[in-house]
Amino acid sequence: TQGTITIADADISAATTLQDLRDL
């Protein structure tokens, strides 16, 4: 109930890896 965290579409690409997503 605390809210959401949004990773914008523009920050995710076809080259995003597991480590990249963790850091985002």
PDBML (XML) file of the C-alpha atoms, coordinates in Angstrom:
<?xml version="1.0" encoding="UTF-8" ?>
<PDBx:datablock datablockName="MODEL"
   xmlns:PDBx="http://pdbml.pdb.org/schema/pdbx-v50.xsd"
   xmlns:xsi="http://www.w3.org/2001/XMLSchema-instance"
   xsi:schemaLocation="http://pdbml.pdb.org/schema/pdbx-v50.xsd pdbx-v50.xsd">
   <PDBx:atom_siteCategory>
      <PDBx:atom_site id="1">
         <PDBx:B_iso_or_equiv>0.00</PDBx:B_iso_or_equiv>
         <PDBx:Cartn_x>0.000</PDBx:Cartn_x>
         <PDBx:Cartn_y>0.000</PDBx:Cartn_y>
         <PDBx:Cartn_z>0.000</PDBx:Cartn_z>
         <PDBx:auth_asym_id>A</PDBx:auth_asym_id>
         <PDBx:auth_atom_id>CA</PDBx:auth_atom_id>
         <PDBx:auth_comp_id>THR</PDBx:auth_comp_id>
         <PDBx:auth_seq_id>1</PDBx:auth_seq_id>
         <PDBx:group_PDB>ATOM</PDBx:group_PDB>
         <PDBx:label_alt_id xsi:nil="true" />
         <PDBx:label_asym_id>A</PDBx:label_asym_id>
         <PDBx:label_atom_id>CA</PDBx:label_atom_id>
         <PDBx:label_comp_id>THR</PDBx:label_comp_id>
         <PDBx:label_entity_id>1</PDBx:label_entity_id>
         <PDBx:label_seq_id>1</PDBx:label_seq_id>
         <PDBx:occupancy>1.00</PDBx:occupancy>
         <PDBx:pdbx_PDB_model_num>1</PDBx:pdbx_PDB_model_num>
         <PDBx:type_symbol>C</PDBx:type_symbol>
      </PDBx:atom_site>
      <PDBx:atom_site id="2">
         <PDBx:B_iso_or_equiv>0.00</PDBx:B_iso_or_equiv>
         <PDBx:Cartn_x>3.085</PDBx:Cartn_x>
         <PDBx:Cartn_y>2.238</PDBx:Cartn_y>
         <PDBx:Cartn_z>-0.100</PDBx:Cartn_z>
         <PDBx:auth_asym_id>A</PDBx:auth_asym_id>
         <PDBx:auth_atom_id>CA</PDBx:auth_atom_id>
         <PDBx:auth_comp_id>GLN</PDBx:auth_comp_id>
         <PDBx:auth_seq_id>2</PDBx:auth_seq_id>
         <PDBx:group_PDB>ATOM</PDBx:group_PDB>
         <PDBx:label_alt_id xsi:nil="true" />
         <PDBx:label_asym_id>A</PDBx:label_asym_id>
         <PDBx:label_atom_id>CA</PDBx:label_atom_id>
         <PDBx:label_comp_id>GLN</PDBx:label_comp_id>
         <PDBx:label_entity_id>1</PDBx:label_entity_id>
         <PDBx:label_seq_id>2</PDBx:label_seq_id>
         <PDBx:occupancy>1.00</PDBx:occupancy>
         <PDBx:pdbx_PDB_model_num>1</PDBx:pdbx_PDB_model_num>
         <PDBx:type_symbol>C</PDBx:type_symbol>
      </PDBx:atom_site>
      <PDBx:atom_site id="3">
         <PDBx:B_iso_or_equiv>0.00</PDBx:B_iso_or_equiv>
         <PDBx:Cartn_x>3.012</PDBx:Cartn_x>
         <PDBx:Cartn_y>3.045</PDBx:Cartn_y>
         <PDBx:Cartn_z>-3.811</PDBx:Cartn_z>
         <PDBx:auth_asym_id>A</PDBx:auth_asym_id>
         <PDBx:auth_atom_id>CA</PDBx:auth_atom_id>
         <PDBx:auth_comp_id>GLY</PDBx:auth_comp_id>
         <PDBx:auth_seq_id>3</PDBx:auth_seq_id>
         <PDBx:group_PDB>ATOM</PDBx:group_PDB>
         <PDBx:label_alt_id xsi:nil="true" />
         <PDBx:label_asym_id>A</PDBx:label_asym_id>
         <PDBx:label_atom_id>CA</PDBx:label_atom_id>
         <PDBx:label_comp_id>GLY</PDBx:label_comp_id>
         <PDBx:label_entity_id>1</PDBx:label_entity_id>
         <PDBx:label_seq_id>3</PDBx:label_seq_id>
         <PDBx:occupancy>1.00</PDBx:occupancy>
         <PDBx:pdbx_PDB_model_num>1</PDBx:pdbx_PDB_model_num>
         <PDBx:type_symbol>C</PDBx:type_symbol>
      </PDBx:atom_site>
      <PDBx:atom_site id="4">
         <PDBx:B_iso_or_equiv>0.00</PDBx:B_iso_or_equiv>
         <PDBx:Cartn_x>4.842</PDBx:Cartn_x>
         <PDBx:Cartn_y>2.065</PDBx:Cartn_y>
         <PDBx:Cartn_z>-6.970</PDBx:Cartn_z>
         <PDBx:auth_asym_id>A</PDBx:auth_asym_id>
         <PDBx:auth_atom_id>CA</PDBx:auth_atom_id>
         <PDBx:auth_comp_id>THR</PDBx:auth_comp_id>
         <PDBx:auth_seq_id>4</PDBx:auth_seq_id>
         <PDBx:group_PDB>ATOM</PDBx:group_PDB>
         <PDBx:label_alt_id xsi:nil="true" />
         <PDBx:label_asym_id>A</PDBx:label_asym_id>
         <PDBx:label_atom_id>CA</PDBx:label_atom_id>
         <PDBx:label_comp_id>THR</PDBx:label_comp_id>
         <PDBx:label_entity_id>1</PDBx:label_entity_id>
         <PDBx:label_seq_id>4</PDBx:label_seq_id>
         <PDBx:occupancy>1.00</PDBx:occupancy>
         <PDBx:pdbx_PDB_model_num>1</PDBx:pdbx_PDB_model_num>
         <PDBx:type_symbol>C</PDBx:type_symbol>
      </PDBx:atom_site>
      <PDBx:atom_site id="5">
         <PDBx:B_iso_or_equiv>0.00</PDBx:B_iso_or_equiv>
         <PDBx:Cartn_x>8.334</PDBx:Cartn_x>
         <PDBx:Cartn_y>2.335</PDBx:Cartn_y>
         <PDBx:Cartn_z>-8.412</PDBx:Cartn_z>
         <PDBx:auth_asym_id>A</PDBx:auth_asym_id>
         <PDBx:auth_atom_id>CA</PDBx:auth_atom_id>
         <PDBx:auth_comp_id>ILE</PDBx:auth_comp_id>
         <PDBx:auth_seq_id>5</PDBx:auth_seq_id>
         <PDBx:group_PDB>ATOM</PDBx:group_PDB>
         <PDBx:label_alt_id xsi:nil="true" />
         <PDBx:label_asym_id>A</PDBx:label_asym_id>
         <PDBx:label_atom_id>CA</PDBx:label_atom_id>
         <PDBx:label_comp_id>ILE</PDBx:label_comp_id>
         <PDBx:label_entity_id>1</PDBx:label_entity_id>
         <PDBx:label_seq_id>5</PDBx:label_seq_id>
         <PDBx:occupancy>1.00</PDBx:occupancy>
         <PDBx:pdbx_PDB_model_num>1</PDBx:pdbx_PDB_model_num>
         <PDBx:type_symbol>C</PDBx:type_symbol>
      </PDBx:atom_site>
      <PDBx:atom_site id="6">
         <PDBx:B_iso_or_equiv>0.00</PDBx:B_iso_or_equiv>
         <PDBx:Cartn_x>8.369</PDBx:Cartn_x>
         <PDBx:Cartn_y>2.875</PDBx:Cartn_y>
         <PDBx:Cartn_z>-12.172</PDBx:Cartn_z>
         <PDBx:auth_asym_id>A</PDBx:auth_asym_id>
         <PDBx:auth_atom_id>CA</PDBx:auth_atom_id>
         <PDBx:auth_comp_id>THR</PDBx:auth_comp_id>
         <PDBx:auth_seq_id>6</PDBx:auth_seq_id>
         <PDBx:group_PDB>ATOM</PDBx:group_PDB>
         <PDBx:label_alt_id xsi:nil="true" />
         <PDBx:label_asym_id>A</PDBx:label_asym_id>
         <PDBx:label_atom_id>CA</PDBx:label_atom_id>
         <PDBx:label_comp_id>THR</PDBx:label_comp_id>
         <PDBx:label_entity_id>1</PDBx:label_entity_id>
         <PDBx:label_seq_id>6</PDBx:label_seq_id>
         <PDBx:occupancy>1.00</PDBx:occupancy>
         <PDBx:pdbx_PDB_model_num>1</PDBx:pdbx_PDB_model_num>
         <PDBx:type_symbol>C</PDBx:type_symbol>
      </PDBx:atom_site>
      <PDBx:atom_site id="7">
         <PDBx:B_iso_or_equiv>0.00</PDBx:B_iso_or_equiv>
         <PDBx:Cartn_x>11.281</PDBx:Cartn_x>
         <PDBx:Cartn_y>2.144</PDBx:Cartn_y>
         <PDBx:Cartn_z>-14.495</PDBx:Cartn_z>
         <PDBx:auth_asym_id>A</PDBx:auth_asym_id>
         <PDBx:auth_atom_id>CA</PDBx:auth_atom_id>
         <PDBx:auth_comp_id>ILE</PDBx:auth_comp_id>
         <PDBx:auth_seq_id>7</PDBx:auth_seq_id>
         <PDBx:group_PDB>ATOM</PDBx:group_PDB>
         <PDBx:label_alt_id xsi:nil="true" />
         <PDBx:label_asym_id>A</PDBx:label_asym_id>
         <PDBx:label_atom_id>CA</PDBx:label_atom_id>
         <PDBx:label_comp_id>ILE</PDBx:label_comp_id>
         <PDBx:label_entity_id>1</PDBx:label_entity_id>
         <PDBx:label_seq_id>7</PDBx:label_seq_id>
         <PDBx:occupancy>1.00</PDBx:occupancy>
         <PDBx:pdbx_PDB_model_num>1</PDBx:pdbx_PDB_model_num>
         <PDBx:type_symbol>C</PDBx:type_symbol>
      </PDBx:atom_site>
      <PDBx:atom_site id="8">
         <PDBx:B_iso_or_equiv>0.00</PDBx:B_iso_or_equiv>
         <PDBx:Cartn_x>10.447</PDBx:Cartn_x>
         <PDBx:Cartn_y>4.155</PDBx:Cartn_y>
         <PDBx:Cartn_z>-17.590</PDBx:Cartn_z>
         <PDBx:auth_asym_id>A</PDBx:auth_asym_id>
         <PDBx:auth_atom_id>CA</PDBx:auth_atom_id>
         <PDBx:auth_comp_id>ALA</PDBx:auth_comp_id>
         <PDBx:auth_seq_id>8</PDBx:auth_seq_id>
         <PDBx:group_PDB>ATOM</PDBx:group_PDB>
         <PDBx:label_alt_id xsi:nil="true" />
         <PDBx:label_asym_id>A</PDBx:label_asym_id>
         <PDBx:label_atom_id>CA</PDBx:label_atom_id>
         <PDBx:label_comp_id>ALA</PDBx:label_comp_id>
         <PDBx:label_entity_id>1</PDBx:label_entity_id>
         <PDBx:label_seq_id>8</PDBx:label_seq_id>
         <PDBx:occupancy>1.00</PDBx:occupancy>
         <PDBx:pdbx_PDB_model_num>1</PDBx:pdbx_PDB_model_num>
         <PDBx:type_symbol>C</PDBx:type_symbol>
      </PDBx:atom_site>
      <PDBx:atom_site id="9">
         <PDBx:B_iso_or_equiv>0.00</PDBx:B_iso_or_equiv>
         <PDBx:Cartn_x>10.062</PDBx:Cartn_x>
         <PDBx:Cartn_y>2.534</PDBx:Cartn_y>
         <PDBx:Cartn_z>-20.983</PDBx:Cartn_z>
         <PDBx:auth_asym_id>A</PDBx:auth_asym_id>
         <PDBx:auth_atom_id>CA</PDBx:auth_atom_id>
         <PDBx:auth_comp_id>ASP</PDBx:auth_comp_id>
         <PDBx:auth_seq_id>9</PDBx:auth_seq_id>
         <PDBx:group_PDB>ATOM</PDBx:group_PDB>
         <PDBx:label_alt_id xsi:nil="true" />
         <PDBx:label_asym_id>A</PDBx:label_asym_id>
         <PDBx:label_atom_id>CA</PDBx:label_atom_id>
         <PDBx:label_comp_id>ASP</PDBx:label_comp_id>
         <PDBx:label_entity_id>1</PDBx:label_entity_id>
         <PDBx:label_seq_id>9</PDBx:label_seq_id>
         <PDBx:occupancy>1.00</PDBx:occupancy>
         <PDBx:pdbx_PDB_model_num>1</PDBx:pdbx_PDB_model_num>
         <PDBx:type_symbol>C</PDBx:type_symbol>
      </PDBx:atom_site>
      <PDBx:atom_site id="10">
         <PDBx:B_iso_or_equiv>0.00</PDBx:B_iso_or_equiv>
         <PDBx:Cartn_x>12.854</PDBx:Cartn_x>
         <PDBx:Cartn_y>4.793</PDBx:Cartn_y>
         <PDBx:Cartn_z>-22.286</PDBx:Cartn_z>
         <PDBx:auth_asym_id>A</PDBx:auth_asym_id>
         <PDBx:auth_atom_id>CA</PDBx:auth_atom_id>
         <PDBx:auth_comp_id>ALA</PDBx:auth_comp_id>
         <PDBx:auth_seq_id>10</PDBx:auth_seq_id>
         <PDBx:group_PDB>ATOM</PDBx:group_PDB>
         <PDBx:label_alt_id xsi:nil="true" />
         <PDBx:label_asym_id>A</PDBx:label_asym_id>
         <PDBx:label_atom_id>CA</PDBx:label_atom_id>
         <PDBx:label_comp_id>ALA</PDBx:label_comp_id>
         <PDBx:label_entity_id>1</PDBx:label_entity_id>
         <PDBx:label_seq_id>10</PDBx:label_seq_id>
         <PDBx:occupancy>1.00</PDBx:occupancy>
         <PDBx:pdbx_PDB_model_num>1</PDBx:pdbx_PDB_model_num>
         <PDBx:type_symbol>C</PDBx:type_symbol>
      </PDBx:atom_site>
      <PDBx:atom_site id="11">
         <PDBx:B_iso_or_equiv>0.00</PDBx:B_iso_or_equiv>
         <PDBx:Cartn_x>15.325</PDBx:Cartn_x>
         <PDBx:Cartn_y>3.297</PDBx:Cartn_y>
         <PDBx:Cartn_z>-19.784</PDBx:Cartn_z>
         <PDBx:auth_asym_id>A</PDBx:auth_asym_id>
         <PDBx:auth_atom_id>CA</PDBx:auth_atom_id>
         <PDBx:auth_comp_id>ASP</PDBx:auth_comp_id>
         <PDBx:auth_seq_id>11</PDBx:auth_seq_id>
         <PDBx:group_PDB>ATOM</PDBx:group_PDB>
         <PDBx:label_alt_id xsi:nil="true" />
         <PDBx:label_asym_id>A</PDBx:label_asym_id>
         <PDBx:label_atom_id>CA</PDBx:label_atom_id>
         <PDBx:label_comp_id>ASP</PDBx:label_comp_id>
         <PDBx:label_entity_id>1</PDBx:label_entity_id>
         <PDBx:label_seq_id>11</PDBx:label_seq_id>
         <PDBx:occupancy>1.00</PDBx:occupancy>
         <PDBx:pdbx_PDB_model_num>1</PDBx:pdbx_PDB_model_num>
         <PDBx:type_symbol>C</PDBx:type_symbol>
      </PDBx:atom_site>
      <PDBx:atom_site id="12">
         <PDBx:B_iso_or_equiv>0.00</PDBx:B_iso_or_equiv>
         <PDBx:Cartn_x>14.715</PDBx:Cartn_x>
         <PDBx:Cartn_y>-0.296</PDBx:Cartn_y>
         <PDBx:Cartn_z>-20.886</PDBx:Cartn_z>
         <PDBx:auth_asym_id>A</PDBx:auth_asym_id>
         <PDBx:auth_atom_id>CA</PDBx:auth_atom_id>
         <PDBx:auth_comp_id>ILE</PDBx:auth_comp_id>
         <PDBx:auth_seq_id>12</PDBx:auth_seq_id>
         <PDBx:group_PDB>ATOM</PDBx:group_PDB>
         <PDBx:label_alt_id xsi:nil="true" />
         <PDBx:label_asym_id>A</PDBx:label_asym_id>
         <PDBx:label_atom_id>CA</PDBx:label_atom_id>
         <PDBx:label_comp_id>ILE</PDBx:label_comp_id>
         <PDBx:label_entity_id>1</PDBx:label_entity_id>
         <PDBx:label_seq_id>12</PDBx:label_seq_id>
         <PDBx:occupancy>1.00</PDBx:occupancy>
         <PDBx:pdbx_PDB_model_num>1</PDBx:pdbx_PDB_model_num>
         <PDBx:type_symbol>C</PDBx:type_symbol>
      </PDBx:atom_site>
      <PDBx:atom_site id="13">
         <PDBx:B_iso_or_equiv>0.00</PDBx:B_iso_or_equiv>
         <PDBx:Cartn_x>15.974</PDBx:Cartn_x>
         <PDBx:Cartn_y>-1.451</PDBx:Cartn_y>
         <PDBx:Cartn_z>-24.267</PDBx:Cartn_z>
         <PDBx:auth_asym_id>A</PDBx:auth_asym_id>
         <PDBx:auth_atom_id>CA</PDBx:auth_atom_id>
         <PDBx:auth_comp_id>SER</PDBx:auth_comp_id>
         <PDBx:auth_seq_id>13</PDBx:auth_seq_id>
         <PDBx:group_PDB>ATOM</PDBx:group_PDB>
         <PDBx:label_alt_id xsi:nil="true" />
         <PDBx:label_asym_id>A</PDBx:label_asym_id>
         <PDBx:label_atom_id>CA</PDBx:label_atom_id>
         <PDBx:label_comp_id>SER</PDBx:label_comp_id>
         <PDBx:label_entity_id>1</PDBx:label_entity_id>
         <PDBx:label_seq_id>13</PDBx:label_seq_id>
         <PDBx:occupancy>1.00</PDBx:occupancy>
         <PDBx:pdbx_PDB_model_num>1</PDBx:pdbx_PDB_model_num>
         <PDBx:type_symbol>C</PDBx:type_symbol>
      </PDBx:atom_site>
      <PDBx:atom_site id="14">
         <PDBx:B_iso_or_equiv>0.00</PDBx:B_iso_or_equiv>
         <PDBx:Cartn_x>16.456</PDBx:Cartn_x>
         <PDBx:Cartn_y>-4.636</PDBx:Cartn_y>
         <PDBx:Cartn_z>-26.220</PDBx:Cartn_z>
         <PDBx:auth_asym_id>A</PDBx:auth_asym_id>
         <PDBx:auth_atom_id>CA</PDBx:auth_atom_id>
         <PDBx:auth_comp_id>ALA</PDBx:auth_comp_id>
         <PDBx:auth_seq_id>14</PDBx:auth_seq_id>
         <PDBx:group_PDB>ATOM</PDBx:group_PDB>
         <PDBx:label_alt_id xsi:nil="true" />
         <PDBx:label_asym_id>A</PDBx:label_asym_id>
         <PDBx:label_atom_id>CA</PDBx:label_atom_id>
         <PDBx:label_comp_id>ALA</PDBx:label_comp_id>
         <PDBx:label_entity_id>1</PDBx:label_entity_id>
         <PDBx:label_seq_id>14</PDBx:label_seq_id>
         <PDBx:occupancy>1.00</PDBx:occupancy>
         <PDBx:pdbx_PDB_model_num>1</PDBx:pdbx_PDB_model_num>
         <PDBx:type_symbol>C</PDBx:type_symbol>
      </PDBx:atom_site>
      <PDBx:atom_site id="15">
         <PDBx:B_iso_or_equiv>0.00</PDBx:B_iso_or_equiv>
         <PDBx:Cartn_x>20.024</PDBx:Cartn_x>
         <PDBx:Cartn_y>-4.781</PDBx:Cartn_y>
         <PDBx:Cartn_z>-24.836</PDBx:Cartn_z>
         <PDBx:auth_asym_id>A</PDBx:auth_asym_id>
         <PDBx:auth_atom_id>CA</PDBx:auth_atom_id>
         <PDBx:auth_comp_id>ALA</PDBx:auth_comp_id>
         <PDBx:auth_seq_id>15</PDBx:auth_seq_id>
         <PDBx:group_PDB>ATOM</PDBx:group_PDB>
         <PDBx:label_alt_id xsi:nil="true" />
         <PDBx:label_asym_id>A</PDBx:label_asym_id>
         <PDBx:label_atom_id>CA</PDBx:label_atom_id>
         <PDBx:label_comp_id>ALA</PDBx:label_comp_id>
         <PDBx:label_entity_id>1</PDBx:label_entity_id>
         <PDBx:label_seq_id>15</PDBx:label_seq_id>
         <PDBx:occupancy>1.00</PDBx:occupancy>
         <PDBx:pdbx_PDB_model_num>1</PDBx:pdbx_PDB_model_num>
         <PDBx:type_symbol>C</PDBx:type_symbol>
      </PDBx:atom_site>
      <PDBx:atom_site id="16">
         <PDBx:B_iso_or_equiv>0.00</PDBx:B_iso_or_equiv>
         <PDBx:Cartn_x>19.107</PDBx:Cartn_x>
         <PDBx:Cartn_y>-4.470</PDBx:Cartn_y>
         <PDBx:Cartn_z>-21.125</PDBx:Cartn_z>
         <PDBx:auth_asym_id>A</PDBx:auth_asym_id>
         <PDBx:auth_atom_id>CA</PDBx:auth_atom_id>
         <PDBx:auth_comp_id>THR</PDBx:auth_comp_id>
         <PDBx:auth_seq_id>16</PDBx:auth_seq_id>
         <PDBx:group_PDB>ATOM</PDBx:group_PDB>
         <PDBx:label_alt_id xsi:nil="true" />
         <PDBx:label_asym_id>A</PDBx:label_asym_id>
         <PDBx:label_atom_id>CA</PDBx:label_atom_id>
         <PDBx:label_comp_id>THR</PDBx:label_comp_id>
         <PDBx:label_entity_id>1</PDBx:label_entity_id>
         <PDBx:label_seq_id>16</PDBx:label_seq_id>
         <PDBx:occupancy>1.00</PDBx:occupancy>
         <PDBx:pdbx_PDB_model_num>1</PDBx:pdbx_PDB_model_num>
         <PDBx:type_symbol>C</PDBx:type_symbol>
      </PDBx:atom_site>
      <PDBx:atom_site id="17">
         <PDBx:B_iso_or_equiv>0.00</PDBx:B_iso_or_equiv>
         <PDBx:Cartn_x>20.659</PDBx:Cartn_x>
         <PDBx:Cartn_y>-7.319</PDBx:Cartn_y>
         <PDBx:Cartn_z>-19.107</PDBx:Cartn_z>
         <PDBx:auth_asym_id>A</PDBx:auth_asym_id>
         <PDBx:auth_atom_id>CA</PDBx:auth_atom_id>
         <PDBx:auth_comp_id>THR</PDBx:auth_comp_id>
         <PDBx:auth_seq_id>17</PDBx:auth_seq_id>
         <PDBx:group_PDB>ATOM</PDBx:group_PDB>
         <PDBx:label_alt_id xsi:nil="true" />
         <PDBx:label_asym_id>A</PDBx:label_asym_id>
         <PDBx:label_atom_id>CA</PDBx:label_atom_id>
         <PDBx:label_comp_id>THR</PDBx:label_comp_id>
         <PDBx:label_entity_id>1</PDBx:label_entity_id>
         <PDBx:label_seq_id>17</PDBx:label_seq_id>
         <PDBx:occupancy>1.00</PDBx:occupancy>
         <PDBx:pdbx_PDB_model_num>1</PDBx:pdbx_PDB_model_num>
         <PDBx:type_symbol>C</PDBx:type_symbol>
      </PDBx:atom_site>
      <PDBx:atom_site id="18">
         <PDBx:B_iso_or_equiv>0.00</PDBx:B_iso_or_equiv>
         <PDBx:Cartn_x>19.841</PDBx:Cartn_x>
         <PDBx:Cartn_y>-8.698</PDBx:Cartn_y>
         <PDBx:Cartn_z>-15.688</PDBx:Cartn_z>
         <PDBx:auth_asym_id>A</PDBx:auth_asym_id>
         <PDBx:auth_atom_id>CA</PDBx:auth_atom_id>
         <PDBx:auth_comp_id>LEU</PDBx:auth_comp_id>
         <PDBx:auth_seq_id>18</PDBx:auth_seq_id>
         <PDBx:group_PDB>ATOM</PDBx:group_PDB>
         <PDBx:label_alt_id xsi:nil="true" />
         <PDBx:label_asym_id>A</PDBx:label_asym_id>
         <PDBx:label_atom_id>CA</PDBx:label_atom_id>
         <PDBx:label_comp_id>LEU</PDBx:label_comp_id>
         <PDBx:label_entity_id>1</PDBx:label_entity_id>
         <PDBx:label_seq_id>18</PDBx:label_seq_id>
         <PDBx:occupancy>1.00</PDBx:occupancy>
         <PDBx:pdbx_PDB_model_num>1</PDBx:pdbx_PDB_model_num>
         <PDBx:type_symbol>C</PDBx:type_symbol>
      </PDBx:atom_site>
      <PDBx:atom_site id="19">
         <PDBx:B_iso_or_equiv>0.00</PDBx:B_iso_or_equiv>
         <PDBx:Cartn_x>22.548</PDBx:Cartn_x>
         <PDBx:Cartn_y>-6.527</PDBx:Cartn_y>
         <PDBx:Cartn_z>-14.116</PDBx:Cartn_z>
         <PDBx:auth_asym_id>A</PDBx:auth_asym_id>
         <PDBx:auth_atom_id>CA</PDBx:auth_atom_id>
         <PDBx:auth_comp_id>GLN</PDBx:auth_comp_id>
         <PDBx:auth_seq_id>19</PDBx:auth_seq_id>
         <PDBx:group_PDB>ATOM</PDBx:group_PDB>
         <PDBx:label_alt_id xsi:nil="true" />
         <PDBx:label_asym_id>A</PDBx:label_asym_id>
         <PDBx:label_atom_id>CA</PDBx:label_atom_id>
         <PDBx:label_comp_id>GLN</PDBx:label_comp_id>
         <PDBx:label_entity_id>1</PDBx:label_entity_id>
         <PDBx:label_seq_id>19</PDBx:label_seq_id>
         <PDBx:occupancy>1.00</PDBx:occupancy>
         <PDBx:pdbx_PDB_model_num>1</PDBx:pdbx_PDB_model_num>
         <PDBx:type_symbol>C</PDBx:type_symbol>
      </PDBx:atom_site>
      <PDBx:atom_site id="20">
         <PDBx:B_iso_or_equiv>0.00</PDBx:B_iso_or_equiv>
         <PDBx:Cartn_x>21.295</PDBx:Cartn_x>
         <PDBx:Cartn_y>-3.460</PDBx:Cartn_y>
         <PDBx:Cartn_z>-15.988</PDBx:Cartn_z>
         <PDBx:auth_asym_id>A</PDBx:auth_asym_id>
         <PDBx:auth_atom_id>CA</PDBx:auth_atom_id>
         <PDBx:auth_comp_id>ASP</PDBx:auth_comp_id>
         <PDBx:auth_seq_id>20</PDBx:auth_seq_id>
         <PDBx:group_PDB>ATOM</PDBx:group_PDB>
         <PDBx:label_alt_id xsi:nil="true" />
         <PDBx:label_asym_id>A</PDBx:label_asym_id>
         <PDBx:label_atom_id>CA</PDBx:label_atom_id>
         <PDBx:label_comp_id>ASP</PDBx:label_comp_id>
         <PDBx:label_entity_id>1</PDBx:label_entity_id>
         <PDBx:label_seq_id>20</PDBx:label_seq_id>
         <PDBx:occupancy>1.00</PDBx:occupancy>
         <PDBx:pdbx_PDB_model_num>1</PDBx:pdbx_PDB_model_num>
         <PDBx:type_symbol>C</PDBx:type_symbol>
      </PDBx:atom_site>
      <PDBx:atom_site id="21">
         <PDBx:B_iso_or_equiv>0.00</PDBx:B_iso_or_equiv>
         <PDBx:Cartn_x>17.767</PDBx:Cartn_x>
         <PDBx:Cartn_y>-3.995</PDBx:Cartn_y>
         <PDBx:Cartn_z>-14.709</PDBx:Cartn_z>
         <PDBx:auth_asym_id>A</PDBx:auth_asym_id>
         <PDBx:auth_atom_id>CA</PDBx:auth_atom_id>
         <PDBx:auth_comp_id>LEU</PDBx:auth_comp_id>
         <PDBx:auth_seq_id>21</PDBx:auth_seq_id>
         <PDBx:group_PDB>ATOM</PDBx:group_PDB>
         <PDBx:label_alt_id xsi:nil="true" />
         <PDBx:label_asym_id>A</PDBx:label_asym_id>
         <PDBx:label_atom_id>CA</PDBx:label_atom_id>
         <PDBx:label_comp_id>LEU</PDBx:label_comp_id>
         <PDBx:label_entity_id>1</PDBx:label_entity_id>
         <PDBx:label_seq_id>21</PDBx:label_seq_id>
         <PDBx:occupancy>1.00</PDBx:occupancy>
         <PDBx:pdbx_PDB_model_num>1</PDBx:pdbx_PDB_model_num>
         <PDBx:type_symbol>C</PDBx:type_symbol>
      </PDBx:atom_site>
      <PDBx:atom_site id="22">
         <PDBx:B_iso_or_equiv>0.00</PDBx:B_iso_or_equiv>
         <PDBx:Cartn_x>19.016</PDBx:Cartn_x>
         <PDBx:Cartn_y>-4.496</PDBx:Cartn_y>
         <PDBx:Cartn_z>-11.153</PDBx:Cartn_z>
         <PDBx:auth_asym_id>A</PDBx:auth_asym_id>
         <PDBx:auth_atom_id>CA</PDBx:auth_atom_id>
         <PDBx:auth_comp_id>ARG</PDBx:auth_comp_id>
         <PDBx:auth_seq_id>22</PDBx:auth_seq_id>
         <PDBx:group_PDB>ATOM</PDBx:group_PDB>
         <PDBx:label_alt_id xsi:nil="true" />
         <PDBx:label_asym_id>A</PDBx:label_asym_id>
         <PDBx:label_atom_id>CA</PDBx:label_atom_id>
         <PDBx:label_comp_id>ARG</PDBx:label_comp_id>
         <PDBx:label_entity_id>1</PDBx:label_entity_id>
         <PDBx:label_seq_id>22</PDBx:label_seq_id>
         <PDBx:occupancy>1.00</PDBx:occupancy>
         <PDBx:pdbx_PDB_model_num>1</PDBx:pdbx_PDB_model_num>
         <PDBx:type_symbol>C</PDBx:type_symbol>
      </PDBx:atom_site>
      <PDBx:atom_site id="23">
         <PDBx:B_iso_or_equiv>0.00</PDBx:B_iso_or_equiv>
         <PDBx:Cartn_x>20.908</PDBx:Cartn_x>
         <PDBx:Cartn_y>-1.206</PDBx:Cartn_y>
         <PDBx:Cartn_z>-11.323</PDBx:Cartn_z>
         <PDBx:auth_asym_id>A</PDBx:auth_asym_id>
         <PDBx:auth_atom_id>CA</PDBx:auth_atom_id>
         <PDBx:auth_comp_id>ASP</PDBx:auth_comp_id>
         <PDBx:auth_seq_id>23</PDBx:auth_seq_id>
         <PDBx:group_PDB>ATOM</PDBx:group_PDB>
         <PDBx:label_alt_id xsi:nil="true" />
         <PDBx:label_asym_id>A</PDBx:label_asym_id>
         <PDBx:label_atom_id>CA</PDBx:label_atom_id>
         <PDBx:label_comp_id>ASP</PDBx:label_comp_id>
         <PDBx:label_entity_id>1</PDBx:label_entity_id>
         <PDBx:label_seq_id>23</PDBx:label_seq_id>
         <PDBx:occupancy>1.00</PDBx:occupancy>
         <PDBx:pdbx_PDB_model_num>1</PDBx:pdbx_PDB_model_num>
         <PDBx:type_symbol>C</PDBx:type_symbol>
      </PDBx:atom_site>
      <PDBx:atom_site id="24">
         <PDBx:B_iso_or_equiv>0.00</PDBx:B_iso_or_equiv>
         <PDBx:Cartn_x>17.904</PDBx:Cartn_x>
         <PDBx:Cartn_y>0.613</PDBx:Cartn_y>
         <PDBx:Cartn_z>-12.804</PDBx:Cartn_z>
         <PDBx:auth_asym_id>A</PDBx:auth_asym_id>
         <PDBx:auth_atom_id>CA</PDBx:auth_atom_id>
         <PDBx:auth_comp_id>LEU</PDBx:auth_comp_id>
         <PDBx:auth_seq_id>24</PDBx:auth_seq_id>
         <PDBx:group_PDB>ATOM</PDBx:group_PDB>
         <PDBx:label_alt_id xsi:nil="true" />
         <PDBx:label_asym_id>A</PDBx:label_asym_id>
         <PDBx:label_atom_id>CA</PDBx:label_atom_id>
         <PDBx:label_comp_id>LEU</PDBx:label_comp_id>
         <PDBx:label_entity_id>1</PDBx:label_entity_id>
         <PDBx:label_seq_id>24</PDBx:label_seq_id>
         <PDBx:occupancy>1.00</PDBx:occupancy>
         <PDBx:pdbx_PDB_model_num>1</PDBx:pdbx_PDB_model_num>
         <PDBx:type_symbol>C</PDBx:type_symbol>
      </PDBx:atom_site>
   </PDBx:atom_siteCategory>
</PDBx:datablock>
